[in-house]
Amino acid sequence: MVILVIFINLFISIIFFYLAIQIWLLKQKLVLITNSLNSYQIIINEILYTSIASIYTGKEQIHNLRYKNQILQLQIQKLRQILDLIILGRNILQKSI
């Protein structure tokens, strides 16, 4: 009877030892996964930070280009008015001659 109890205890101990090893291996895998995820998070944060900076730079450049475009549109409008006046003057001179 004592031998049976010893074998049962030994069997239970072996099962728990096996479970402890499996849990330890799972812990090691989880540590590796956690480290990988932390590395990915750092990389993604760097990418997002540079992306945000690039977006703001692009937005600022677009604003500057729109402002320059408005100035150029005004200059084009003035040049067209000047050319229209020159053509009108030339037409008047040709009709009077």
PDB file of N, CA and C in Angstrom:
ATOM      1  N   MET A   1       0.820  -1.192   0.000  1.00  0.00           N
ATOM      2  CA  MET A   1       0.000   0.000   0.000  1.00  0.00           C
ATOM      3  C   MET A   1       0.864   1.256   0.000  1.00  0.00           C
ATOM      4  N   VAL A   2       1.896   1.211   0.805  1.00  0.00           N
ATOM      5  CA  VAL A   2       2.812   2.351   0.874  1.00  0.00           C
ATOM      6  C   VAL A   2       3.503   2.535  -0.477  1.00  0.00           C
ATOM      7  N   ILE A   3       3.845   1.439  -1.099  1.00  0.00           N
ATOM      8  CA  ILE A   3       4.511   1.510  -2.397  1.00  0.00           C
ATOM      9  C   ILE A   3       3.569   2.139  -3.425  1.00  0.00           C
ATOM     10  N   LEU A   4       2.303   1.832  -3.356  1.00  0.00           N
ATOM     11  CA  LEU A   4       1.322   2.419  -4.274  1.00  0.00           C
ATOM     12  C   LEU A   4       1.224   3.924  -4.061  1.00  0.00           C
ATOM     13  N   VAL A   5       1.201   4.344  -2.822  1.00  0.00           N
ATOM     14  CA  VAL A   5       1.143   5.777  -2.509  1.00  0.00           C
ATOM     15  C   VAL A   5       2.409   6.466  -3.006  1.00  0.00           C
ATOM     16  N   ILE A   6       3.553   5.834  -2.834  1.00  0.00           N
ATOM     17  CA  ILE A   6       4.820   6.406  -3.304  1.00  0.00           C
ATOM     18  C   ILE A   6       4.795   6.539  -4.825  1.00  0.00           C
ATOM     19  N   PHE A   7       4.317   5.498  -5.521  1.00  0.00           N
ATOM     20  CA  PHE A   7       4.239   5.564  -6.989  1.00  0.00           C
ATOM     21  C   PHE A   7       3.260   6.647  -7.457  1.00  0.00           C
ATOM     22  N   ILE A   8       2.141   6.759  -6.759  1.00  0.00           N
ATOM     23  CA  ILE A   8       1.171   7.804  -7.119  1.00  0.00           C
ATOM     24  C   ILE A   8       1.779   9.184  -6.898  1.00  0.00           C
ATOM     25  N   ASN A   9       2.458   9.370  -5.759  1.00  0.00           N
ATOM     26  CA  ASN A   9       3.122  10.652  -5.480  1.00  0.00           C
ATOM     27  C   ASN A   9       4.216  10.934  -6.505  1.00  0.00           C
ATOM     28  N   LEU A  10       4.968   9.902  -6.848  1.00  0.00           N
ATOM     29  CA  LEU A  10       6.022  10.053  -7.849  1.00  0.00           C
ATOM     30  C   LEU A  10       5.417  10.418  -9.202  1.00  0.00           C
ATOM     31  N   PHE A  11       4.322   9.766  -9.570  1.00  0.00           N
ATOM     32  CA  PHE A  11       3.641  10.047 -10.834  1.00  0.00           C
ATOM     33  C   PHE A  11       3.110  11.491 -10.846  1.00  0.00           C
ATOM     34  N   ILE A  12       2.491  11.893  -9.746  1.00  0.00           N
ATOM     35  CA  ILE A  12       1.976  13.267  -9.639  1.00  0.00           C
ATOM     36  C   ILE A  12       3.135  14.262  -9.699  1.00  0.00           C
ATOM     37  N   SER A  13       4.234  13.961  -9.050  1.00  0.00           N
ATOM     38  CA  SER A  13       5.409  14.842  -9.068  1.00  0.00           C
ATOM     39  C   SER A  13       5.963  14.979 -10.478  1.00  0.00           C
ATOM     40  N   ILE A  14       6.015  13.877 -11.206  1.00  0.00           N
ATOM     41  CA  ILE A  14       6.518  13.912 -12.588  1.00  0.00           C
ATOM     42  C   ILE A  14       5.589  14.759 -13.460  1.00  0.00           C
ATOM     43  N   ILE A  15       4.284  14.596 -13.270  1.00  0.00           N
ATOM     44  CA  ILE A  15       3.323  15.395 -14.046  1.00  0.00           C
ATOM     45  C   ILE A  15       3.509  16.882 -13.745  1.00  0.00           C
ATOM     46  N   PHE A  16       3.612  17.212 -12.455  1.00  0.00           N
ATOM     47  CA  PHE A  16       3.784  18.621 -12.090  1.00  0.00           C
ATOM     48  C   PHE A  16       5.133  19.171 -12.559  1.00  0.00           C
ATOM     49  N   PHE A  17       6.166  18.319 -12.536  1.00  0.00           N
ATOM     50  CA  PHE A  17       7.469  18.752 -13.044  1.00  0.00           C
ATOM     51  C   PHE A  17       7.381  19.042 -14.543  1.00  0.00           C
ATOM     52  N   TYR A  18       6.693  18.163 -15.276  1.00  0.00           N
ATOM     53  CA  TYR A  18       6.492  18.371 -16.714  1.00  0.00           C
ATOM     54  C   TYR A  18       5.715  19.673 -16.957  1.00  0.00           C
ATOM     55  N   LEU A  19       4.652  19.880 -16.178  1.00  0.00           N
ATOM     56  CA  LEU A  19       3.874  21.116 -16.314  1.00  0.00           C
ATOM     57  C   LEU A  19       4.724  22.347 -15.990  1.00  0.00           C
ATOM     58  N   ALA A  20       5.566  22.245 -14.981  1.00  0.00           N
ATOM     59  CA  ALA A  20       6.434  23.368 -14.614  1.00  0.00           C
ATOM     60  C   ALA A  20       7.393  23.696 -15.758  1.00  0.00           C
ATOM     61  N   ILE A  21       7.945  22.668 -16.393  1.00  0.00           N
ATOM     62  CA  ILE A  21       8.846  22.888 -17.532  1.00  0.00           C
ATOM     63  C   ILE A  21       8.085  23.539 -18.682  1.00  0.00           C
ATOM     64  N   GLN A  22       6.875  23.059 -18.960  1.00  0.00           N
ATOM     65  CA  GLN A  22       6.072  23.635 -20.047  1.00  0.00           C
ATOM     66  C   GLN A  22       5.725  25.098 -19.758  1.00  0.00           C
ATOM     67  N   ILE A  23       5.387  25.386 -18.515  1.00  0.00           N
ATOM     68  CA  ILE A  23       5.079  26.775 -18.135  1.00  0.00           C
ATOM     69  C   ILE A  23       6.326  27.638 -18.268  1.00  0.00           C
ATOM     70  N   TRP A  24       7.481  27.108 -17.875  1.00  0.00           N
ATOM     71  CA  TRP A  24       8.726  27.869 -17.989  1.00  0.00           C
ATOM     72  C   TRP A  24       9.047  28.132 -19.467  1.00  0.00           C
ATOM     73  N   LEU A  25       8.853  27.123 -20.325  1.00  0.00           N
ATOM     74  CA  LEU A  25       9.092  27.306 -21.762  1.00  0.00           C
ATOM     75  C   LEU A  25       8.120  28.332 -22.348  1.00  0.00           C
ATOM     76  N   LEU A  26       6.866  28.271 -21.907  1.00  0.00           N
ATOM     77  CA  LEU A  26       5.878  29.250 -22.355  1.00  0.00           C
ATOM     78  C   LEU A  26       6.280  30.656 -21.927  1.00  0.00           C
ATOM     79  N   LYS A  27       6.791  30.761 -20.705  1.00  0.00           N
ATOM     80  CA  LYS A  27       7.254  32.061 -20.209  1.00  0.00           C
ATOM     81  C   LYS A  27       8.393  32.583 -21.082  1.00  0.00           C
ATOM     82  N   GLN A  28       9.320  31.708 -21.464  1.00  0.00           N
ATOM     83  CA  GLN A  28      10.435  32.123 -22.313  1.00  0.00           C
ATOM     84  C   GLN A  28       9.930  32.605 -23.679  1.00  0.00           C
ATOM     85  N   LYS A  29       8.954  31.900 -24.236  1.00  0.00           N
ATOM     86  CA  LYS A  29       8.384  32.323 -25.518  1.00  0.00           C
ATOM     87  C   LYS A  29       7.687  33.670 -25.381  1.00  0.00           C
ATOM     88  N   LEU A  30       6.964  33.843 -24.272  1.00  0.00           N
ATOM     89  CA  LEU A  30       6.278  35.117 -24.045  1.00  0.00           C
ATOM     90  C   LEU A  30       7.268  36.266 -23.874  1.00  0.00           C
ATOM     91  N   VAL A  31       8.402  35.985 -23.248  1.00  0.00           N
ATOM     92  CA  VAL A  31       9.439  37.016 -23.107  1.00  0.00           C
ATOM     93  C   VAL A  31       9.971  37.404 -24.483  1.00  0.00           C
ATOM     94  N   LEU A  32      10.217  36.416 -25.344  1.00  0.00           N
ATOM     95  CA  LEU A  32      10.694  36.707 -26.698  1.00  0.00           C
ATOM     96  C   LEU A  32       9.656  37.510 -27.483  1.00  0.00           C
ATOM     97  N   ILE A  33       8.394  37.119 -27.369  1.00  0.00           N
ATOM     98  CA  ILE A  33       7.328  37.843 -28.070  1.00  0.00           C
ATOM     99  C   ILE A  33       7.228  39.268 -27.550  1.00  0.00           C
ATOM    100  N   THR A  34       7.316  39.428 -26.226  1.00  0.00           N
ATOM    101  CA  THR A  34       7.254  40.766 -25.629  1.00  0.00           C
ATOM    102  C   THR A  34       8.402  41.634 -26.114  1.00  0.00           C
ATOM    103  N   ASN A  35       9.600  41.076 -26.158  1.00  0.00           N
ATOM    104  CA  ASN A  35      10.755  41.838 -26.643  1.00  0.00           C
ATOM    105  C   ASN A  35      10.580  42.232 -28.106  1.00  0.00           C
ATOM    106  N   SER A  36      10.067  41.306 -28.907  1.00  0.00           N
ATOM    107  CA  SER A  36       9.829  41.620 -30.321  1.00  0.00           C
ATOM    108  C   SER A  36       8.796  42.729 -30.462  1.00  0.00           C
ATOM    109  N   LEU A  37       7.708  42.621 -29.707  1.00  0.00           N
ATOM    110  CA  LEU A  37       6.667  43.650 -29.779  1.00  0.00           C
ATOM    111  C   LEU A  37       7.182  45.007 -29.314  1.00  0.00           C
ATOM    112  N   ASN A  38       8.026  45.007 -28.290  1.00  0.00           N
ATOM    113  CA  ASN A  38       8.614  46.272 -27.835  1.00  0.00           C
ATOM    114  C   ASN A  38       9.506  46.882 -28.917  1.00  0.00           C
ATOM    115  N   SER A  39      10.270  46.031 -29.595  1.00  0.00           N
ATOM    116  CA  SER A  39      11.113  46.527 -30.691  1.00  0.00           C
ATOM    117  C   SER A  39      10.255  47.092 -31.815  1.00  0.00           C
ATOM    118  N   TYR A  40       9.181  46.374 -32.155  1.00  0.00           N
ATOM    119  CA  TYR A  40       8.278  46.867 -33.203  1.00  0.00           C
ATOM    120  C   TYR A  40       7.649  48.194 -32.804  1.00  0.00           C
ATOM    121  N   GLN A  41       7.288  48.311 -31.537  1.00  0.00           N
ATOM    122  CA  GLN A  41       6.673  49.553 -31.071  1.00  0.00           C
ATOM    123  C   GLN A  41       7.651  50.718 -31.202  1.00  0.00           C
ATOM    124  N   ILE A  42       8.906  50.497 -30.849  1.00  0.00           N
ATOM    125  CA  ILE A  42       9.914  51.553 -30.968  1.00  0.00           C
ATOM    126  C   ILE A  42      10.076  51.960 -32.429  1.00  0.00           C
ATOM    127  N   ILE A  43      10.171  50.979 -33.312  1.00  0.00           N
ATOM    128  CA  ILE A  43      10.332  51.268 -34.741  1.00  0.00           C
ATOM    129  C   ILE A  43       9.121  52.013 -35.281  1.00  0.00           C
ATOM    130  N   ILE A  44       7.920  51.552 -34.919  1.00  0.00           N
ATOM    131  CA  ILE A  44       6.699  52.203 -35.402  1.00  0.00           C
ATOM    132  C   ILE A  44       6.606  53.626 -34.874  1.00  0.00           C
ATOM    133  N   ASN A  45       6.979  53.838 -33.615  1.00  0.00           N
ATOM    134  CA  ASN A  45       6.961  55.198 -33.063  1.00  0.00           C
ATOM    135  C   ASN A  45       7.912  56.114 -33.822  1.00  0.00           C
ATOM    136  N   GLU A  46       9.095  55.610 -34.165  1.00  0.00           N
ATOM    137  CA  GLU A  46      10.043  56.420 -34.934  1.00  0.00           C
ATOM    138  C   GLU A  46       9.487  56.739 -36.316  1.00  0.00           C
ATOM    139  N   ILE A  47       8.879  55.742 -36.949  1.00  0.00           N
ATOM    140  CA  ILE A  47       8.294  55.960 -38.279  1.00  0.00           C
ATOM    141  C   ILE A  47       7.175  56.986 -38.203  1.00  0.00           C
ATOM    142  N   LEU A  48       6.302  56.838 -37.209  1.00  0.00           N
ATOM    143  CA  LEU A  48       5.187  57.777 -37.074  1.00  0.00           C
ATOM    144  C   LEU A  48       5.681  59.185 -36.763  1.00  0.00           C
ATOM    145  N   TYR A  49       6.717  59.289 -35.933  1.00  0.00           N
ATOM    146  CA  TYR A  49       7.242  60.611 -35.599  1.00  0.00           C
ATOM    147  C   TYR A  49       7.780  61.296 -36.852  1.00  0.00           C
ATOM    148  N   THR A  50       8.555  60.541 -37.659  1.00  0.00           N
ATOM    149  CA  THR A  50       9.082  61.137 -38.896  1.00  0.00           C
ATOM    150  C   THR A  50       7.961  61.416 -39.876  1.00  0.00           C
ATOM    151  N   SER A  51       6.962  60.542 -39.910  1.00  0.00           N
ATOM    152  CA  SER A  51       5.832  60.769 -40.815  1.00  0.00           C
ATOM    153  C   SER A  51       5.077  62.031 -40.437  1.00  0.00           C
ATOM    154  N   ILE A  52       4.856  62.219 -39.155  1.00  0.00           N
ATOM    155  CA  ILE A  52       4.139  63.413 -38.702  1.00  0.00           C
ATOM    156  C   ILE A  52       4.940  64.660 -39.045  1.00  0.00           C
ATOM    157  N   ALA A  53       6.254  64.605 -38.817  1.00  0.00           N
ATOM    158  CA  ALA A  53       7.095  65.755 -39.158  1.00  0.00           C
ATOM    159  C   ALA A  53       7.037  66.025 -40.661  1.00  0.00           C
ATOM    160  N   SER A  54       7.076  64.972 -41.457  1.00  0.00           N
ATOM    161  CA  SER A  54       7.003  65.142 -42.913  1.00  0.00           C
ATOM    162  C   SER A  54       5.653  65.703 -43.340  1.00  0.00           C
ATOM    163  N   ILE A  55       4.595  65.247 -42.694  1.00  0.00           N
ATOM    164  CA  ILE A  55       3.258  65.751 -43.027  1.00  0.00           C
ATOM    165  C   ILE A  55       3.167  67.236 -42.718  1.00  0.00           C
ATOM    166  N   TYR A  56       3.666  67.652 -41.550  1.00  0.00           N
ATOM    167  CA  TYR A  56       3.613  69.074 -41.209  1.00  0.00           C
ATOM    168  C   TYR A  56       4.476  69.905 -42.156  1.00  0.00           C
ATOM    169  N   THR A  57       5.640  69.371 -42.527  1.00  0.00           N
ATOM    170  CA  THR A  57       6.493  70.080 -43.476  1.00  0.00           C
ATOM    171  C   THR A  57       5.788  70.212 -44.821  1.00  0.00           C
ATOM    172  N   GLY A  58       5.183  69.125 -45.284  1.00  0.00           N
ATOM    173  CA  GLY A  58       4.448  69.164 -46.549  1.00  0.00           C
ATOM    174  C   GLY A  58       3.287  70.133 -46.495  1.00  0.00           C
ATOM    175  N   LYS A  59       2.576  70.149 -45.382  1.00  0.00           N
ATOM    176  CA  LYS A  59       1.443  71.064 -45.221  1.00  0.00           C
ATOM    177  C   LYS A  59       1.919  72.513 -45.283  1.00  0.00           C
ATOM    178  N   GLU A  60       3.032  72.783 -44.629  1.00  0.00           N
ATOM    179  CA  GLU A  60       3.590  74.139 -44.647  1.00  0.00           C
ATOM    180  C   GLU A  60       4.030  74.522 -46.060  1.00  0.00           C
ATOM    181  N   GLN A  61       4.655  73.593 -46.765  1.00  0.00           N
ATOM    182  CA  GLN A  61       5.094  73.871 -48.135  1.00  0.00           C
ATOM    183  C   GLN A  61       3.904  74.102 -49.059  1.00  0.00           C
ATOM    184  N   ILE A  62       2.837  73.331 -48.869  1.00  0.00           N
ATOM    185  CA  ILE A  62       1.628  73.539 -49.678  1.00  0.00           C
ATOM    186  C   ILE A  62       1.053  74.918 -49.415  1.00  0.00           C
ATOM    187  N   HIS A  63       1.030  75.321 -48.152  1.00  0.00           N
ATOM    188  CA  HIS A  63       0.526  76.651 -47.812  1.00  0.00           C
ATOM    189  C   HIS A  63       1.363  77.729 -48.506  1.00  0.00           C
ATOM    190  N   ASN A  64       2.690  77.572 -48.455  1.00  0.00           N
ATOM    191  CA  ASN A  64       3.576  78.549 -49.099  1.00  0.00           C
ATOM    192  C   ASN A  64       3.363  78.572 -50.615  1.00  0.00           C
ATOM    193  N   LEU A  65       3.204  77.400 -51.218  1.00  0.00           N
ATOM    194  CA  LEU A  65       2.981  77.342 -52.666  1.00  0.00           C
ATOM    195  C   LEU A  65       1.650  77.980 -53.055  1.00  0.00           C
ATOM    196  N   ARG A  66       0.631  77.781 -52.239  1.00  0.00           N
ATOM    197  CA  ARG A  66      -0.663  78.410 -52.533  1.00  0.00           C
ATOM    198  C   ARG A  66      -0.556  79.929 -52.445  1.00  0.00           C
ATOM    199  N   TYR A  67       0.196  80.407 -51.463  1.00  0.00           N
ATOM    200  CA  TYR A  67       0.389  81.848 -51.325  1.00  0.00           C
ATOM    201  C   TYR A  67       1.136  82.400 -52.545  1.00  0.00           C
ATOM    202  N   LYS A  68       2.211  81.708 -52.944  1.00  0.00           N
ATOM    203  CA  LYS A  68       2.965  82.139 -54.126  1.00  0.00           C
ATOM    204  C   LYS A  68       2.095  82.077 -55.378  1.00  0.00           C
ATOM    205  N   ASN A  69       1.239  81.055 -55.462  1.00  0.00           N
ATOM    206  CA  ASN A  69       0.340  80.922 -56.605  1.00  0.00           C
ATOM    207  C   ASN A  69      -0.626  82.104 -56.666  1.00  0.00           C
ATOM    208  N   GLN A  70      -1.132  82.539 -55.521  1.00  0.00           N
ATOM    209  CA  GLN A  70      -2.035  83.692 -55.500  1.00  0.00           C
ATOM    210  C   GLN A  70      -1.321  84.941 -56.015  1.00  0.00           C
ATOM    211  N   ILE A  71      -0.079  85.124 -55.580  1.00  0.00           N
ATOM    212  CA  ILE A  71       0.700  86.282 -56.036  1.00  0.00           C
ATOM    213  C   ILE A  71       0.914  86.201 -57.548  1.00  0.00           C
ATOM    214  N   LEU A  72       1.268  85.011 -58.035  1.00  0.00           N
ATOM    215  CA  LEU A  72       1.479  84.843 -59.475  1.00  0.00           C
ATOM    216  C   LEU A  72       0.188  85.066 -60.257  1.00  0.00           C
ATOM    217  N   GLN A  73      -0.937  84.613 -59.723  1.00  0.00           N
ATOM    218  CA  GLN A  73      -2.217  84.834 -60.396  1.00  0.00           C
ATOM    219  C   GLN A  73      -2.524  86.328 -60.500  1.00  0.00           C
ATOM    220  N   LEU A  74      -2.224  87.079 -59.443  1.00  0.00           N
ATOM    221  CA  LEU A  74      -2.428  88.532 -59.496  1.00  0.00           C
ATOM    222  C   LEU A  74      -1.505  89.172 -60.533  1.00  0.00           C
ATOM    223  N   GLN A  75      -0.259  88.717 -60.586  1.00  0.00           N
ATOM    224  CA  GLN A  75       0.678  89.260 -61.567  1.00  0.00           C
ATOM    225  C   GLN A  75       0.219  88.930 -62.989  1.00  0.00           C
ATOM    226  N   ILE A  76      -0.266  87.713 -63.192  1.00  0.00           N
ATOM    227  CA  ILE A  76      -0.778  87.333 -64.516  1.00  0.00           C
ATOM    228  C   ILE A  76      -1.967  88.205 -64.889  1.00  0.00           C
ATOM    229  N   GLN A  77      -2.847  88.436 -63.930  1.00  0.00           N
ATOM    230  CA  GLN A  77      -4.014  89.280 -64.190  1.00  0.00           C
ATOM    231  C   GLN A  77      -3.578  90.698 -64.583  1.00  0.00           C
ATOM    232  N   LYS A  78      -2.588  91.240 -63.877  1.00  0.00           N
ATOM    233  CA  LYS A  78      -2.092  92.583 -64.205  1.00  0.00           C
ATOM    234  C   LYS A  78      -1.456  92.598 -65.591  1.00  0.00           C
ATOM    235  N   LEU A  79      -0.672  91.553 -65.914  1.00  0.00           N
ATOM    236  CA  LEU A  79      -0.047  91.485 -67.237  1.00  0.00           C
ATOM    237  C   LEU A  79      -1.097  91.395 -68.341  1.00  0.00           C
ATOM    238  N   ARG A  80      -2.155  90.632 -68.105  1.00  0.00           N
ATOM    239  CA  ARG A  80      -3.229  90.533 -69.096  1.00  0.00           C
ATOM    240  C   ARG A  80      -3.904  91.888 -69.302  1.00  0.00           C
ATOM    241  N   GLN A  81      -4.104  92.602 -68.197  1.00  0.00           N
ATOM    242  CA  GLN A  81      -4.719  93.924 -68.308  1.00  0.00           C
ATOM    243  C   GLN A  81      -3.813  94.867 -69.100  1.00  0.00           C
ATOM    244  N   ILE A  82      -2.501  94.788 -68.818  1.00  0.00           N
ATOM    245  CA  ILE A  82      -1.547  95.635 -69.545  1.00  0.00           C
ATOM    246  C   ILE A  82      -1.548  95.264 -71.024  1.00  0.00           C
ATOM    247  N   LEU A  83      -1.512  93.941 -71.321  1.00  0.00           N
ATOM    248  CA  LEU A  83      -1.536  93.504 -72.717  1.00  0.00           C
ATOM    249  C   LEU A  83      -2.837  93.922 -73.405  1.00  0.00           C
ATOM    250  N   ASP A  84      -3.953  93.828 -72.694  1.00  0.00           N
ATOM    251  CA  ASP A  84      -5.230  94.267 -73.265  1.00  0.00           C
ATOM    252  C   ASP A  84      -5.194  95.758 -73.584  1.00  0.00           C
ATOM    253  N   LEU A  85      -4.595  96.551 -72.687  1.00  0.00           N
ATOM    254  CA  LEU A  85      -4.477  97.990 -72.940  1.00  0.00           C
ATOM    255  C   LEU A  85      -3.579  98.263 -74.147  1.00  0.00           C
ATOM    256  N   ILE A  86      -2.473  97.513 -74.252  1.00  0.00           N
ATOM    257  CA  ILE A  86      -1.559  97.695 -75.385  1.00  0.00           C
ATOM    258  C   ILE A  86      -2.274  97.339 -76.686  1.00  0.00           C
ATOM    259  N   ILE A  87      -2.993  96.215 -76.693  1.00  0.00           N
ATOM    260  CA  ILE A  87      -3.725  95.800 -77.896  1.00  0.00           C
ATOM    261  C   ILE A  87      -4.802  96.819 -78.237  1.00  0.00           C
ATOM    262  N   LEU A  88      -5.507  97.315 -77.220  1.00  0.00           N
ATOM    263  CA  LEU A  88      -6.536  98.326 -77.447  1.00  0.00           C
ATOM    264  C   LEU A  88      -5.917  99.595 -78.031  1.00  0.00           C
ATOM    265  N   GLY A  89      -4.795 100.015 -77.466  1.00  0.00           N
ATOM    266  CA  GLY A  89      -4.099 101.198 -77.986  1.00  0.00           C
ATOM    267  C   GLY A  89      -3.638 100.988 -79.415  1.00  0.00           C
ATOM    268  N   ARG A  90      -3.121  99.826 -79.725  1.00  0.00           N
ATOM    269  CA  ARG A  90      -2.669  99.517 -81.079  1.00  0.00           C
ATOM    270  C   ARG A  90      -3.845  99.524 -82.052  1.00  0.00           C
ATOM    271  N   ASN A  91      -4.957  98.946 -81.633  1.00  0.00           N
ATOM    272  CA  ASN A  91      -6.148  98.932 -82.488  1.00  0.00           C
ATOM    273  C   ASN A  91      -6.653 100.353 -82.741  1.00  0.00           C
ATOM    274  N   ILE A  92      -6.641 101.168 -81.707  1.00  0.00           N
ATOM    275  CA  ILE A  92      -7.077 102.569 -81.867  1.00  0.00           C
ATOM    276  C   ILE A  92      -6.142 103.294 -82.824  1.00  0.00           C
ATOM    277  N   LEU A  93      -4.820 103.069 -82.661  1.00  0.00           N
ATOM    278  CA  LEU A  93      -3.848 103.714 -83.547  1.00  0.00           C
ATOM    279  C   LEU A  93      -4.019 103.239 -84.989  1.00  0.00           C
ATOM    280  N   GLN A  94      -4.285 101.950 -85.187  1.00  0.00           N
ATOM    281  CA  GLN A  94      -4.455 101.425 -86.545  1.00  0.00           C
ATOM    282  C   GLN A  94      -5.724 101.975 -87.190  1.00  0.00           C
ATOM    283  N   LYS A  95      -6.771 102.163 -86.404  1.00  0.00           N
ATOM    284  CA  LYS A  95      -8.018 102.695 -86.960  1.00  0.00           C
ATOM    285  C   LYS A  95      -7.890 104.178 -87.291  1.00  0.00           C
ATOM    286  N   SER A  96      -7.091 104.887 -86.503  1.00  0.00           N
ATOM    287  CA  SER A  96      -6.953 106.324 -86.755  1.00  0.00           C
ATOM    288  C   SER A  96      -5.995 106.599 -87.908  1.00  0.00           C
ATOM    289  N   ILE A  97      -5.168 105.657 -88.256  1.00  0.00           N
ATOM    290  CA  ILE A  97      -4.210 105.874 -89.349  1.00  0.00           C
ATOM    291  C   ILE A  97      -4.818 105.590 -90.647  1.00  0.00           C
TER     292      ILE A  97
END
